[in-house]
Amino acid sequence: MAKLRHISIAVPDVEAAALFYQNTFDLECVHKTERSIWLSDGTVNLTLTPTENFKGTDKEGFVGIDHLGFVVDDKEDTGRKLVENGGRAADGRCWDPNGIMVNVNDKYWLGSK
């Protein structure tokens, strides 16, 4: 069976996005290039790449990922950190500073371990 281990999202400010995910979800920086940052929880890697990479290509106007889901030990604490680090929460939903929806759950999703 295939296993999901890598997600890449395009963001306008790679450094700011990395700080958000590191400070909110304790992701660790595992690799950094001149243009992108790779973060990980030890199982899945999240690559942050600048949206400017797509200007003038067939991916200009790129439509990115719908949402990310994180299993956490304490939803309230993570929600607080999310807002403190520039994200927003409303009506039981959360978004990172770039507007990408982030699901925060204390249970695994059906089929995940």
PDB file of N, CA and C in Angstrom:
ATOM      1  N   MET A   1       0.838  -1.183   0.000  1.00  0.00           N
ATOM      2  CA  MET A   1       0.000   0.000   0.000  1.00  0.00           C
ATOM      3  C   MET A   1       0.884   1.248   0.000  1.00  0.00           C
ATOM      4  N   ALA A   2       0.534   2.212  -0.816  1.00  0.00           N
ATOM      5  CA  ALA A   2       1.252   3.490  -0.861  1.00  0.00           C
ATOM      6  C   ALA A   2       0.982   4.274   0.416  1.00  0.00           C
ATOM      7  N   LYS A   3       1.936   5.080   0.840  1.00  0.00           N
ATOM      8  CA  LYS A   3       1.798   5.906   2.037  1.00  0.00           C
ATOM      9  C   LYS A   3       2.123   7.354   1.684  1.00  0.00           C
ATOM     10  N   LEU A   4       1.252   8.268   2.075  1.00  0.00           N
ATOM     11  CA  LEU A   4       1.479   9.690   1.848  1.00  0.00           C
ATOM     12  C   LEU A   4       2.585  10.168   2.782  1.00  0.00           C
ATOM     13  N   ARG A   5       3.635  10.750   2.221  1.00  0.00           N
ATOM     14  CA  ARG A   5       4.762  11.202   3.022  1.00  0.00           C
ATOM     15  C   ARG A   5       5.242  12.605   2.658  1.00  0.00           C
ATOM     16  N   HIS A   6       4.627  13.250   1.654  1.00  0.00           N
ATOM     17  CA  HIS A   6       5.120  14.547   1.208  1.00  0.00           C
ATOM     18  C   HIS A   6       3.963  15.390   0.686  1.00  0.00           C
ATOM     19  N   ILE A   7       3.886  16.631   1.151  1.00  0.00           N
ATOM     20  CA  ILE A   7       2.905  17.605   0.678  1.00  0.00           C
ATOM     21  C   ILE A   7       3.677  18.885   0.391  1.00  0.00           C
ATOM     22  N   SER A   8       3.379  19.531  -0.727  1.00  0.00           N
ATOM     23  CA  SER A   8       4.025  20.796  -1.057  1.00  0.00           C
ATOM     24  C   SER A   8       2.951  21.852  -1.260  1.00  0.00           C
ATOM     25  N   ILE A   9       3.145  23.008  -0.644  1.00  0.00           N
ATOM     26  CA  ILE A   9       2.205  24.101  -0.849  1.00  0.00           C
ATOM     27  C   ILE A   9       2.969  25.355  -1.261  1.00  0.00           C
ATOM     28  N   ALA A  10       2.359  26.118  -2.149  1.00  0.00           N
ATOM     29  CA  ALA A  10       2.933  27.380  -2.612  1.00  0.00           C
ATOM     30  C   ALA A  10       2.432  28.495  -1.704  1.00  0.00           C
ATOM     31  N   VAL A  11       3.356  29.306  -1.213  1.00  0.00           N
ATOM     32  CA  VAL A  11       3.022  30.409  -0.312  1.00  0.00           C
ATOM     33  C   VAL A  11       3.790  31.658  -0.736  1.00  0.00           C
ATOM     34  N   PRO A  12       3.261  32.852  -0.443  1.00  0.00           N
ATOM     35  CA  PRO A  12       3.962  34.067  -0.843  1.00  0.00           C
ATOM     36  C   PRO A  12       5.227  34.343  -0.028  1.00  0.00           C
ATOM     37  N   ASP A  13       5.282  33.905   1.236  1.00  0.00           N
ATOM     38  CA  ASP A  13       6.446  34.155   2.092  1.00  0.00           C
ATOM     39  C   ASP A  13       6.838  32.845   2.776  1.00  0.00           C
ATOM     40  N   VAL A  14       7.838  32.183   2.228  1.00  0.00           N
ATOM     41  CA  VAL A  14       8.259  30.864   2.708  1.00  0.00           C
ATOM     42  C   VAL A  14       8.726  30.916   4.163  1.00  0.00           C
ATOM     43  N   GLU A  15       9.543  31.904   4.506  1.00  0.00           N
ATOM     44  CA  GLU A  15      10.074  32.008   5.871  1.00  0.00           C
ATOM     45  C   GLU A  15       8.952  32.193   6.895  1.00  0.00           C
ATOM     46  N   ALA A  16       8.013  33.084   6.599  1.00  0.00           N
ATOM     47  CA  ALA A  16       6.905  33.330   7.527  1.00  0.00           C
ATOM     48  C   ALA A  16       6.034  32.087   7.675  1.00  0.00           C
ATOM     49  N   ALA A  17       5.771  31.402   6.572  1.00  0.00           N
ATOM     50  CA  ALA A  17       4.961  30.181   6.628  1.00  0.00           C
ATOM     51  C   ALA A  17       5.669  29.108   7.452  1.00  0.00           C
ATOM     52  N   ALA A  18       6.980  28.978   7.277  1.00  0.00           N
ATOM     53  CA  ALA A  18       7.742  27.983   8.036  1.00  0.00           C
ATOM     54  C   ALA A  18       7.653  28.274   9.536  1.00  0.00           C
ATOM     55  N   LEU A  19       7.820  29.532   9.912  1.00  0.00           N
ATOM     56  CA  LEU A  19       7.719  29.890  11.328  1.00  0.00           C
ATOM     57  C   LEU A  19       6.349  29.548  11.885  1.00  0.00           C
ATOM     58  N   PHE A  20       5.294  29.809  11.107  1.00  0.00           N
ATOM     59  CA  PHE A  20       3.945  29.482  11.560  1.00  0.00           C
ATOM     60  C   PHE A  20       3.820  27.990  11.855  1.00  0.00           C
ATOM     61  N   TYR A  21       4.209  27.138  10.912  1.00  0.00           N
ATOM     62  CA  TYR A  21       4.056  25.692  11.093  1.00  0.00           C
ATOM     63  C   TYR A  21       5.003  25.143  12.161  1.00  0.00           C
ATOM     64  N   GLN A  22       6.174  25.729  12.302  1.00  0.00           N
ATOM     65  CA  GLN A  22       7.097  25.301  13.355  1.00  0.00           C
ATOM     66  C   GLN A  22       6.566  25.694  14.735  1.00  0.00           C
ATOM     67  N   ASN A  23       6.112  26.925  14.881  1.00  0.00           N
ATOM     68  CA  ASN A  23       5.666  27.419  16.179  1.00  0.00           C
ATOM     69  C   ASN A  23       4.298  26.904  16.585  1.00  0.00           C
ATOM     70  N   THR A  24       3.447  26.588  15.625  1.00  0.00           N
ATOM     71  CA  THR A  24       2.102  26.125  15.936  1.00  0.00           C
ATOM     72  C   THR A  24       2.038  24.613  16.089  1.00  0.00           C
ATOM     73  N   PHE A  25       2.689  23.879  15.196  1.00  0.00           N
ATOM     74  CA  PHE A  25       2.573  22.417  15.176  1.00  0.00           C
ATOM     75  C   PHE A  25       3.882  21.696  15.483  1.00  0.00           C
ATOM     76  N   ASP A  26       4.894  22.424  15.925  1.00  0.00           N
ATOM     77  CA  ASP A  26       6.186  21.833  16.297  1.00  0.00           C
ATOM     78  C   ASP A  26       6.840  21.048  15.167  1.00  0.00           C
ATOM     79  N   LEU A  27       6.593  21.442  13.917  1.00  0.00           N
ATOM     80  CA  LEU A  27       7.276  20.786  12.805  1.00  0.00           C
ATOM     81  C   LEU A  27       8.738  21.205  12.820  1.00  0.00           C
ATOM     82  N   GLU A  28       9.580  20.313  12.381  1.00  0.00           N
ATOM     83  CA  GLU A  28      11.021  20.541  12.394  1.00  0.00           C
ATOM     84  C   GLU A  28      11.521  20.824  10.982  1.00  0.00           C
ATOM     85  N   CYS A  29      12.416  21.789  10.853  1.00  0.00           N
ATOM     86  CA  CYS A  29      13.035  22.064   9.556  1.00  0.00           C
ATOM     87  C   CYS A  29      14.040  20.952   9.273  1.00  0.00           C
ATOM     88  N   VAL A  30      13.829  20.226   8.158  1.00  0.00           N
ATOM     89  CA  VAL A  30      14.723  19.114   7.823  1.00  0.00           C
ATOM     90  C   VAL A  30      15.575  19.405   6.597  1.00  0.00           C
ATOM     91  N   HIS A  31      15.218  20.463   5.847  1.00  0.00           N
ATOM     92  CA  HIS A  31      16.000  20.811   4.662  1.00  0.00           C
ATOM     93  C   HIS A  31      15.621  22.224   4.239  1.00  0.00           C
ATOM     94  N   LYS A  32      16.608  22.955   3.739  1.00  0.00           N
ATOM     95  CA  LYS A  32      16.349  24.323   3.287  1.00  0.00           C
ATOM     96  C   LYS A  32      17.177  24.563   2.039  1.00  0.00           C
ATOM     97  N   THR A  33      16.528  25.089   1.006  1.00  0.00           N
ATOM     98  CA  THR A  33      17.235  25.479  -0.203  1.00  0.00           C
ATOM     99  C   THR A  33      17.157  26.992  -0.315  1.00  0.00           C
ATOM    100  N   GLU A  34      17.685  27.513  -1.387  1.00  0.00           N
ATOM    101  CA  GLU A  34      17.630  28.955  -1.614  1.00  0.00           C
ATOM    102  C   GLU A  34      16.180  29.443  -1.686  1.00  0.00           C
ATOM    103  N   ARG A  35      15.264  28.585  -2.144  1.00  0.00           N
ATOM    104  CA  ARG A  35      13.890  29.018  -2.383  1.00  0.00           C
ATOM    105  C   ARG A  35      12.828  28.283  -1.575  1.00  0.00           C
ATOM    106  N   SER A  36      13.118  27.139  -1.016  1.00  0.00           N
ATOM    107  CA  SER A  36      12.075  26.395  -0.317  1.00  0.00           C
ATOM    108  C   SER A  36      12.567  25.866   1.027  1.00  0.00           C
ATOM    109  N   ILE A  37      11.589  25.522   1.873  1.00  0.00           N
ATOM    110  CA  ILE A  37      11.876  24.962   3.191  1.00  0.00           C
ATOM    111  C   ILE A  37      11.060  23.688   3.337  1.00  0.00           C
ATOM    112  N   TRP A  38      11.719  22.641   3.820  1.00  0.00           N
ATOM    113  CA  TRP A  38      11.048  21.368   4.062  1.00  0.00           C
ATOM    114  C   TRP A  38      10.906  21.178   5.563  1.00  0.00           C
ATOM    115  N   LEU A  39       9.683  20.960   6.011  1.00  0.00           N
ATOM    116  CA  LEU A  39       9.392  20.715   7.419  1.00  0.00           C
ATOM    117  C   LEU A  39       8.895  19.283   7.567  1.00  0.00           C
ATOM    118  N   SER A  40       8.970  18.735   8.770  1.00  0.00           N
ATOM    119  CA  SER A  40       8.492  17.371   8.979  1.00  0.00           C
ATOM    120  C   SER A  40       8.034  17.162  10.409  1.00  0.00           C
ATOM    121  N   ASP A  41       7.083  16.238  10.560  1.00  0.00           N
ATOM    122  CA  ASP A  41       6.679  15.762  11.882  1.00  0.00           C
ATOM    123  C   ASP A  41       7.352  14.429  12.186  1.00  0.00           C
ATOM    124  N   GLY A  42       8.253  14.002  11.318  1.00  0.00           N
ATOM    125  CA  GLY A  42       8.935  12.731  11.470  1.00  0.00           C
ATOM    126  C   GLY A  42       8.361  11.642  10.587  1.00  0.00           C
ATOM    127  N   THR A  43       7.173  11.891  10.026  1.00  0.00           N
ATOM    128  CA  THR A  43       6.539  10.921   9.133  1.00  0.00           C
ATOM    129  C   THR A  43       6.225  11.547   7.783  1.00  0.00           C
ATOM    130  N   VAL A  44       5.613  12.715   7.806  1.00  0.00           N
ATOM    131  CA  VAL A  44       5.213  13.401   6.577  1.00  0.00           C
ATOM    132  C   VAL A  44       6.010  14.698   6.451  1.00  0.00           C
ATOM    133  N   ASN A  45       6.515  14.974   5.260  1.00  0.00           N
ATOM    134  CA  ASN A  45       7.220  16.223   4.989  1.00  0.00           C
ATOM    135  C   ASN A  45       6.270  17.230   4.358  1.00  0.00           C
ATOM    136  N   LEU A  46       6.388  18.474   4.774  1.00  0.00           N
ATOM    137  CA  LEU A  46       5.634  19.587   4.210  1.00  0.00           C
ATOM    138  C   LEU A  46       6.647  20.546   3.598  1.00  0.00           C
ATOM    139  N   THR A  47       6.607  20.687   2.274  1.00  0.00           N
ATOM    140  CA  THR A  47       7.509  21.603   1.589  1.00  0.00           C
ATOM    141  C   THR A  47       6.782  22.906   1.310  1.00  0.00           C
ATOM    142  N   LEU A  48       7.423  24.001   1.656  1.00  0.00           N
ATOM    143  CA  LEU A  48       6.894  25.336   1.394  1.00  0.00           C
ATOM    144  C   LEU A  48       7.711  25.931   0.263  1.00  0.00           C
ATOM    145  N   THR A  49       7.036  26.291  -0.808  1.00  0.00           N
ATOM    146  CA  THR A  49       7.710  26.827  -1.986  1.00  0.00           C
ATOM    147  C   THR A  49       7.080  28.170  -2.344  1.00  0.00           C
ATOM    148  N   PRO A  50       7.840  29.129  -2.838  1.00  0.00           N
ATOM    149  CA  PRO A  50       7.275  30.455  -3.115  1.00  0.00           C
ATOM    150  C   PRO A  50       6.348  30.451  -4.332  1.00  0.00           C
ATOM    151  N   THR A  51       5.246  31.193  -4.218  1.00  0.00           N
ATOM    152  CA  THR A  51       4.304  31.290  -5.332  1.00  0.00           C
ATOM    153  C   THR A  51       4.964  31.888  -6.564  1.00  0.00           C
ATOM    154  N   GLU A  52       5.986  32.717  -6.369  1.00  0.00           N
ATOM    155  CA  GLU A  52       6.661  33.343  -7.516  1.00  0.00           C
ATOM    156  C   GLU A  52       7.333  32.307  -8.416  1.00  0.00           C
ATOM    157  N   ASN A  53       7.549  31.099  -7.921  1.00  0.00           N
ATOM    158  CA  ASN A  53       8.115  30.035  -8.763  1.00  0.00           C
ATOM    159  C   ASN A  53       7.255  29.757  -9.992  1.00  0.00           C
ATOM    160  N   PHE A  54       5.964  30.080  -9.917  1.00  0.00           N
ATOM    161  CA  PHE A  54       5.036  29.714 -10.981  1.00  0.00           C
ATOM    162  C   PHE A  54       4.748  30.843 -11.969  1.00  0.00           C
ATOM    163  N   LYS A  55       5.281  32.055 -11.722  1.00  0.00           N
ATOM    164  CA  LYS A  55       5.037  33.172 -12.637  1.00  0.00           C
ATOM    165  C   LYS A  55       5.607  32.863 -14.007  1.00  0.00           C
ATOM    166  N   GLY A  56       4.806  33.125 -15.036  1.00  0.00           N
ATOM    167  CA  GLY A  56       5.256  32.937 -16.404  1.00  0.00           C
ATOM    168  C   GLY A  56       5.335  31.486 -16.841  1.00  0.00           C
ATOM    169  N   THR A  57       4.780  30.579 -16.037  1.00  0.00           N
ATOM    170  CA  THR A  57       4.770  29.164 -16.423  1.00  0.00           C
ATOM    171  C   THR A  57       3.333  28.711 -16.630  1.00  0.00           C
ATOM    172  N   ASP A  58       3.180  27.464 -17.023  1.00  0.00           N
ATOM    173  CA  ASP A  58       1.828  26.936 -17.190  1.00  0.00           C
ATOM    174  C   ASP A  58       1.123  26.745 -15.843  1.00  0.00           C
ATOM    175  N   LYS A  59       1.836  26.957 -14.734  1.00  0.00           N
ATOM    176  CA  LYS A  59       1.219  26.863 -13.410  1.00  0.00           C
ATOM    177  C   LYS A  59       0.884  28.233 -12.821  1.00  0.00           C
ATOM    178  N   GLU A  60       1.051  29.303 -13.597  1.00  0.00           N
ATOM    179  CA  GLU A  60       0.697  30.626 -13.081  1.00  0.00           C
ATOM    180  C   GLU A  60      -0.778  30.608 -12.705  1.00  0.00           C
ATOM    181  N   GLY A  61      -1.118  31.188 -11.586  1.00  0.00           N
ATOM    182  CA  GLY A  61      -2.478  31.118 -11.079  1.00  0.00           C
ATOM    183  C   GLY A  61      -2.750  29.783 -10.407  1.00  0.00           C
ATOM    184  N   PHE A  62      -1.678  29.091 -10.044  1.00  0.00           N
ATOM    185  CA  PHE A  62      -1.734  27.766  -9.427  1.00  0.00           C
ATOM    186  C   PHE A  62      -2.788  27.689  -8.341  1.00  0.00           C
ATOM    187  N   VAL A  63      -3.602  26.663  -8.385  1.00  0.00           N
ATOM    188  CA  VAL A  63      -4.571  26.382  -7.338  1.00  0.00           C
ATOM    189  C   VAL A  63      -3.952  25.327  -6.433  1.00  0.00           C
ATOM    190  N   GLY A  64      -3.761  25.660  -5.181  1.00  0.00           N
ATOM    191  CA  GLY A  64      -3.043  24.775  -4.261  1.00  0.00           C
ATOM    192  C   GLY A  64      -3.937  23.817  -3.513  1.00  0.00           C
ATOM    193  N   ILE A  65      -3.424  23.363  -2.428  1.00  0.00           N
ATOM    194  CA  ILE A  65      -4.059  22.343  -1.613  1.00  0.00           C
ATOM    195  C   ILE A  65      -5.303  22.912  -0.926  1.00  0.00           C
ATOM    196  N   ASP A  66      -6.313  22.096  -0.690  1.00  0.00           N
ATOM    197  CA  ASP A  66      -7.553  22.534  -0.048  1.00  0.00           C
ATOM    198  C   ASP A  66      -7.360  22.743   1.451  1.00  0.00           C
ATOM    199  N   HIS A  67      -6.809  21.749   2.133  1.00  0.00           N
ATOM    200  CA  HIS A  67      -6.548  21.901   3.565  1.00  0.00           C
ATOM    201  C   HIS A  67      -5.525  20.877   4.037  1.00  0.00           C
ATOM    202  N   LEU A  68      -4.981  21.133   5.223  1.00  0.00           N
ATOM    203  CA  LEU A  68      -4.064  20.220   5.890  1.00  0.00           C
ATOM    204  C   LEU A  68      -4.725  19.763   7.177  1.00  0.00           C
ATOM    205  N   GLY A  69      -4.467  18.533   7.589  1.00  0.00           N
ATOM    206  CA  GLY A  69      -5.019  18.017   8.841  1.00  0.00           C
ATOM    207  C   GLY A  69      -3.917  17.594   9.788  1.00  0.00           C
ATOM    208  N   PHE A  70      -3.992  18.063  11.021  1.00  0.00           N
ATOM    209  CA  PHE A  70      -3.015  17.708  12.048  1.00  0.00           C
ATOM    210  C   PHE A  70      -3.723  17.038  13.218  1.00  0.00           C
ATOM    211  N   VAL A  71      -3.200  15.896  13.666  1.00  0.00           N
ATOM    212  CA  VAL A  71      -3.649  15.267  14.902  1.00  0.00           C
ATOM    213  C   VAL A  71      -2.769  15.831  16.014  1.00  0.00           C
ATOM    214  N   VAL A  72      -3.404  16.365  17.051  1.00  0.00           N
ATOM    215  CA  VAL A  72      -2.671  17.011  18.142  1.00  0.00           C
ATOM    216  C   VAL A  72      -3.112  16.425  19.483  1.00  0.00           C
ATOM    217  N   ASP A  73      -2.301  16.630  20.501  1.00  0.00           N
ATOM    218  CA  ASP A  73      -2.648  16.151  21.839  1.00  0.00           C
ATOM    219  C   ASP A  73      -3.685  17.044  22.510  1.00  0.00           C
ATOM    220  N   ASP A  74      -3.629  18.341  22.255  1.00  0.00           N
ATOM    221  CA  ASP A  74      -4.502  19.295  22.936  1.00  0.00           C
ATOM    222  C   ASP A  74      -5.028  20.314  21.926  1.00  0.00           C
ATOM    223  N   LYS A  75      -6.294  20.152  21.529  1.00  0.00           N
ATOM    224  CA  LYS A  75      -6.879  21.035  20.507  1.00  0.00           C
ATOM    225  C   LYS A  75      -6.918  22.490  20.958  1.00  0.00           C
ATOM    226  N   GLU A  76      -7.276  22.727  22.210  1.00  0.00           N
ATOM    227  CA  GLU A  76      -7.384  24.108  22.690  1.00  0.00           C
ATOM    228  C   GLU A  76      -6.022  24.802  22.685  1.00  0.00           C
ATOM    229  N   ASP A  77      -5.006  24.104  23.179  1.00  0.00           N
ATOM    230  CA  ASP A  77      -3.666  24.687  23.209  1.00  0.00           C
ATOM    231  C   ASP A  77      -3.171  24.964  21.791  1.00  0.00           C
ATOM    232  N   THR A  78      -3.391  24.026  20.885  1.00  0.00           N
ATOM    233  CA  THR A  78      -2.961  24.221  19.500  1.00  0.00           C
ATOM    234  C   THR A  78      -3.739  25.361  18.854  1.00  0.00           C
ATOM    235  N   GLY A  79      -5.033  25.459  19.131  1.00  0.00           N
ATOM    236  CA  GLY A  79      -5.833  26.560  18.603  1.00  0.00           C
ATOM    237  C   GLY A  79      -5.321  27.907  19.081  1.00  0.00           C
ATOM    238  N   ARG A  80      -4.936  27.966  20.350  1.00  0.00           N
ATOM    239  CA  ARG A  80      -4.368  29.198  20.908  1.00  0.00           C
ATOM    240  C   ARG A  80      -3.058  29.548  20.203  1.00  0.00           C
ATOM    241  N   LYS A  81      -2.174  28.547  20.037  1.00  0.00           N
ATOM    242  CA  LYS A  81      -0.895  28.789  19.359  1.00  0.00           C
ATOM    243  C   LYS A  81      -1.122  29.198  17.905  1.00  0.00           C
ATOM    244  N   LEU A  82      -2.118  28.607  17.269  1.00  0.00           N
ATOM    245  CA  LEU A  82      -2.421  28.926  15.876  1.00  0.00           C
ATOM    246  C   LEU A  82      -2.724  30.424  15.734  1.00  0.00           C
ATOM    247  N   VAL A  83      -3.571  30.940  16.606  1.00  0.00           N
ATOM    248  CA  VAL A  83      -3.933  32.360  16.555  1.00  0.00           C
ATOM    249  C   VAL A  83      -2.742  33.237  16.957  1.00  0.00           C
ATOM    250  N   GLU A  84      -2.007  32.843  17.988  1.00  0.00           N
ATOM    251  CA  GLU A  84      -0.829  33.612  18.422  1.00  0.00           C
ATOM    252  C   GLU A  84       0.217  33.736  17.317  1.00  0.00           C
ATOM    253  N   ASN A  85       0.274  32.743  16.433  1.00  0.00           N
ATOM    254  CA  ASN A  85       1.279  32.730  15.372  1.00  0.00           C
ATOM    255  C   ASN A  85       0.758  33.268  14.040  1.00  0.00           C
ATOM    256  N   GLY A  86      -0.379  33.963  14.076  1.00  0.00           N
ATOM    257  CA  GLY A  86      -0.855  34.648  12.883  1.00  0.00           C
ATOM    258  C   GLY A  86      -1.959  33.956  12.120  1.00  0.00           C
ATOM    259  N   GLY A  87      -2.373  32.785  12.574  1.00  0.00           N
ATOM    260  CA  GLY A  87      -3.505  32.103  11.936  1.00  0.00           C
ATOM    261  C   GLY A  87      -4.805  32.686  12.455  1.00  0.00           C
ATOM    262  N   ARG A  88      -5.916  32.136  11.984  1.00  0.00           N
ATOM    263  CA  ARG A  88      -7.203  32.593  12.512  1.00  0.00           C
ATOM    264  C   ARG A  88      -8.136  31.406  12.678  1.00  0.00           C
ATOM    265  N   ALA A  89      -9.068  31.559  13.597  1.00  0.00           N
ATOM    266  CA  ALA A  89     -10.041  30.509  13.881  1.00  0.00           C
ATOM    267  C   ALA A  89     -11.417  31.145  13.992  1.00  0.00           C
ATOM    268  N   ALA A  90     -12.417  30.477  13.425  1.00  0.00           N
ATOM    269  CA  ALA A  90     -13.795  30.953  13.505  1.00  0.00           C
ATOM    270  C   ALA A  90     -14.732  29.793  13.200  1.00  0.00           C
ATOM    271  N   ASP A  91     -15.810  29.703  13.951  1.00  0.00           N
ATOM    272  CA  ASP A  91     -16.842  28.694  13.711  1.00  0.00           C
ATOM    273  C   ASP A  91     -16.273  27.277  13.619  1.00  0.00           C
ATOM    274  N   GLY A  92     -15.301  26.958  14.476  1.00  0.00           N
ATOM    275  CA  GLY A  92     -14.730  25.618  14.506  1.00  0.00           C
ATOM    276  C   GLY A  92     -13.756  25.312  13.387  1.00  0.00           C
ATOM    277  N   ARG A  93     -13.403  26.307  12.599  1.00  0.00           N
ATOM    278  CA  ARG A  93     -12.444  26.118  11.512  1.00  0.00           C
ATOM    279  C   ARG A  93     -11.215  26.973  11.767  1.00  0.00           C
ATOM    280  N   CYS A  94     -10.085  26.574  11.156  1.00  0.00           N
ATOM    281  CA  CYS A  94      -8.831  27.302  11.335  1.00  0.00           C
ATOM    282  C   CYS A  94      -8.160  27.513   9.988  1.00  0.00           C
ATOM    283  N   TRP A  95      -7.385  28.600   9.892  1.00  0.00           N
ATOM    284  CA  TRP A  95      -6.629  28.908   8.676  1.00  0.00           C
ATOM    285  C   TRP A  95      -5.235  29.370   9.061  1.00  0.00           C
ATOM    286  N   ASP A  96      -4.265  29.034   8.221  1.00  0.00           N
ATOM    287  CA  ASP A  96      -2.916  29.546   8.452  1.00  0.00           C
ATOM    288  C   ASP A  96      -2.869  30.994   7.968  1.00  0.00           C
ATOM    289  N   PRO A  97      -1.760  31.708   8.164  1.00  0.00           N
ATOM    290  CA  PRO A  97      -1.701  33.119   7.757  1.00  0.00           C
ATOM    291  C   PRO A  97      -1.885  33.350   6.257  1.00  0.00           C
ATOM    292  N   ASN A  98      -1.721  32.311   5.425  1.00  0.00           N
ATOM    293  CA  ASN A  98      -1.916  32.449   3.979  1.00  0.00           C
ATOM    294  C   ASN A  98      -3.316  32.072   3.532  1.00  0.00           C
ATOM    295  N   GLY A  99      -4.192  31.724   4.480  1.00  0.00           N
ATOM    296  CA  GLY A  99      -5.563  31.379   4.146  1.00  0.00           C
ATOM    297  C   GLY A  99      -5.788  29.905   3.840  1.00  0.00           C
ATOM    298  N   ILE A 100      -4.778  29.054   4.050  1.00  0.00           N
ATOM    299  CA  ILE A 100      -4.956  27.619   3.835  1.00  0.00           C
ATOM    300  C   ILE A 100      -5.659  27.040   5.052  1.00  0.00           C
ATOM    301  N   MET A 101      -6.761  26.317   4.819  1.00  0.00           N
ATOM    302  CA  MET A 101      -7.503  25.733   5.918  1.00  0.00           C
ATOM    303  C   MET A 101      -6.671  24.648   6.591  1.00  0.00           C
ATOM    304  N   VAL A 102      -6.721  24.643   7.926  1.00  0.00           N
ATOM    305  CA  VAL A 102      -5.986  23.669   8.726  1.00  0.00           C
ATOM    306  C   VAL A 102      -6.976  23.003   9.677  1.00  0.00           C
ATOM    307  N   ASN A 103      -7.173  21.683   9.526  1.00  0.00           N
ATOM    308  CA  ASN A 103      -7.995  20.927  10.476  1.00  0.00           C
ATOM    309  C   ASN A 103      -7.124  20.541  11.656  1.00  0.00           C
ATOM    310  N   VAL A 104      -7.620  20.801  12.851  1.00  0.00           N
ATOM    311  CA  VAL A 104      -6.918  20.425  14.074  1.00  0.00           C
ATOM    312  C   VAL A 104      -7.828  19.444  14.803  1.00  0.00           C
ATOM    313  N   ASN A 105      -7.329  18.222  15.030  1.00  0.00           N
ATOM    314  CA  ASN A 105      -8.155  17.177  15.608  1.00  0.00           C
ATOM    315  C   ASN A 105      -7.367  16.413  16.660  1.00  0.00           C
ATOM    316  N   ASP A 106      -8.071  15.933  17.674  1.00  0.00           N
ATOM    317  CA  ASP A 106      -7.406  15.094  18.668  1.00  0.00           C
ATOM    318  C   ASP A 106      -7.643  13.614  18.395  1.00  0.00           C
ATOM    319  N   LYS A 107      -8.255  13.304  17.252  1.00  0.00           N
ATOM    320  CA  LYS A 107      -8.479  11.920  16.829  1.00  0.00           C
ATOM    321  C   LYS A 107      -7.958  11.763  15.410  1.00  0.00           C
ATOM    322  N   TYR A 108      -7.581  10.556  15.070  1.00  0.00           N
ATOM    323  CA  TYR A 108      -7.123  10.275  13.707  1.00  0.00           C
ATOM    324  C   TYR A 108      -8.312  10.225  12.770  1.00  0.00           C
ATOM    325  N   TRP A 109      -8.080  10.551  11.515  1.00  0.00           N
ATOM    326  CA  TRP A 109      -9.112  10.462  10.509  1.00  0.00           C
ATOM    327  C   TRP A 109      -9.306   9.006  10.123  1.00  0.00           C
ATOM    328  N   LEU A 110     -10.478   8.683   9.659  1.00  0.00           N
ATOM    329  CA  LEU A 110     -10.798   7.329   9.223  1.00  0.00           C
ATOM    330  C   LEU A 110      -9.727   6.830   8.264  1.00  0.00           C
ATOM    331  N   GLY A 111      -9.125   5.714   8.570  1.00  0.00           N
ATOM    332  CA  GLY A 111      -8.116   5.117   7.706  1.00  0.00           C
ATOM    333  C   GLY A 111      -6.699   5.577   7.961  1.00  0.00           C
ATOM    334  N   SER A 112      -6.496   6.532   8.881  1.00  0.00           N
ATOM    335  CA  SER A 112      -5.131   7.006   9.156  1.00  0.00           C
ATOM    336  C   SER A 112      -4.635   6.444  10.481  1.00  0.00           C
ATOM    337  N   LYS A 113      -3.314   6.401  10.618  1.00  0.00           N
ATOM    338  CA  LYS A 113      -2.698   5.889  11.856  1.00  0.00           C
ATOM    339  C   LYS A 113      -1.696   6.896  12.369  1.00  0.00           C
TER     340      LYS A 113
END
